[in-house]
Amino acid sequence: MKNIELKVVDNILTIQVDLTKEFGPSSSGKTIIIATTEGNVPIPDHEDKKIGLNVYHKKS
């Protein structure tokens, strides 16, 4: 995972992303990646559940 923190408290999933960071262009080159799980990953302490997340913006 890049720039994503997952935390579960009392069965509530919290996702934290620093929106000031960038990791370069997407594979298509059309967007800039801010954060990604790089596919589906297990949720902490709930491995039977998965999350896949991408945060990006359009390339300037």
Protein backbone atom coordinates (compact mmCIF):
# COMPACT_ATOMS: atom_id res chain seq x y z
CA MET A 1 0.00 0.00 0.00
CA LYS A 2 1.15 3.50 -0.75
CA ASN A 3 0.04 6.42 1.44
CA ILE A 4 -2.99 4.63 2.93
CA GLU A 5 -3.57 3.79 6.58
CA LEU A 6 -6.41 1.41 7.47
CA LYS A 7 -7.62 1.17 11.05
CA VAL A 8 -10.58 -0.68 12.58
CA VAL A 9 -11.99 0.51 15.92
CA ASP A 10 -15.26 -0.95 17.24
CA ASN A 11 -15.91 -2.52 13.82
CA ILE A 12 -15.63 0.87 12.05
CA LEU A 13 -13.05 1.04 9.23
CA THR A 14 -11.19 4.34 9.01
CA ILE A 15 -9.12 5.16 5.93
CA GLN A 16 -6.45 7.85 6.17
CA VAL A 17 -4.74 9.33 3.07
CA ASP A 18 -2.32 12.25 2.89
CA LEU A 19 -3.69 14.22 -0.07
CA THR A 20 -0.47 16.26 -0.40
CA LYS A 21 1.60 13.27 -1.63
CA GLU A 22 1.94 11.98 -5.17
CA PHE A 23 3.44 8.74 -6.53
CA GLY A 24 3.67 9.59 -10.21
CA PRO A 25 1.52 8.79 -13.22
CA SER A 26 -0.88 5.88 -13.52
CA SER A 27 -0.10 3.13 -16.01
CA SER A 28 -2.27 4.90 -18.62
CA GLY A 29 -0.51 8.21 -17.94
CA LYS A 30 -3.82 10.07 -17.73
CA THR A 31 -3.84 10.55 -13.95
CA ILE A 32 -1.42 11.08 -11.04
CA ILE A 33 -1.61 8.55 -8.21
CA ILE A 34 -2.02 9.98 -4.71
CA ALA A 35 -2.63 6.70 -2.87
CA THR A 36 -3.33 3.07 -3.73
CA THR A 37 -3.74 -0.30 -2.10
CA GLU A 38 -2.26 -1.77 -5.32
CA GLY A 39 -5.19 -4.16 -5.68
CA ASN A 40 -7.45 -5.76 -3.10
CA VAL A 41 -6.00 -6.19 0.40
CA PRO A 42 -7.40 -7.68 3.62
CA ILE A 43 -8.82 -5.29 6.21
CA PRO A 44 -6.82 -5.41 9.46
CA ASP A 45 -8.26 -7.94 11.96
CA HIS A 46 -10.99 -8.80 9.38
CA GLU A 47 -9.01 -10.81 6.85
CA ASP A 48 -12.19 -12.28 5.35
CA LYS A 49 -13.05 -8.77 4.12
CA LYS A 50 -11.06 -6.92 1.45
CA ILE A 51 -10.67 -3.37 0.20
CA GLY A 52 -9.29 -1.96 -3.05
CA LEU A 53 -8.72 1.78 -3.16
CA ASN A 54 -7.17 4.26 -5.59
CA VAL A 55 -6.97 8.01 -4.99
CA TYR A 56 -5.82 10.11 -7.96
CA HIS A 57 -6.24 13.38 -9.83
CA LYS A 58 -6.19 14.31 -13.49
CA LYS A 59 -2.80 15.09 -14.94
CA SER A 60 -2.27 18.85 -15.37
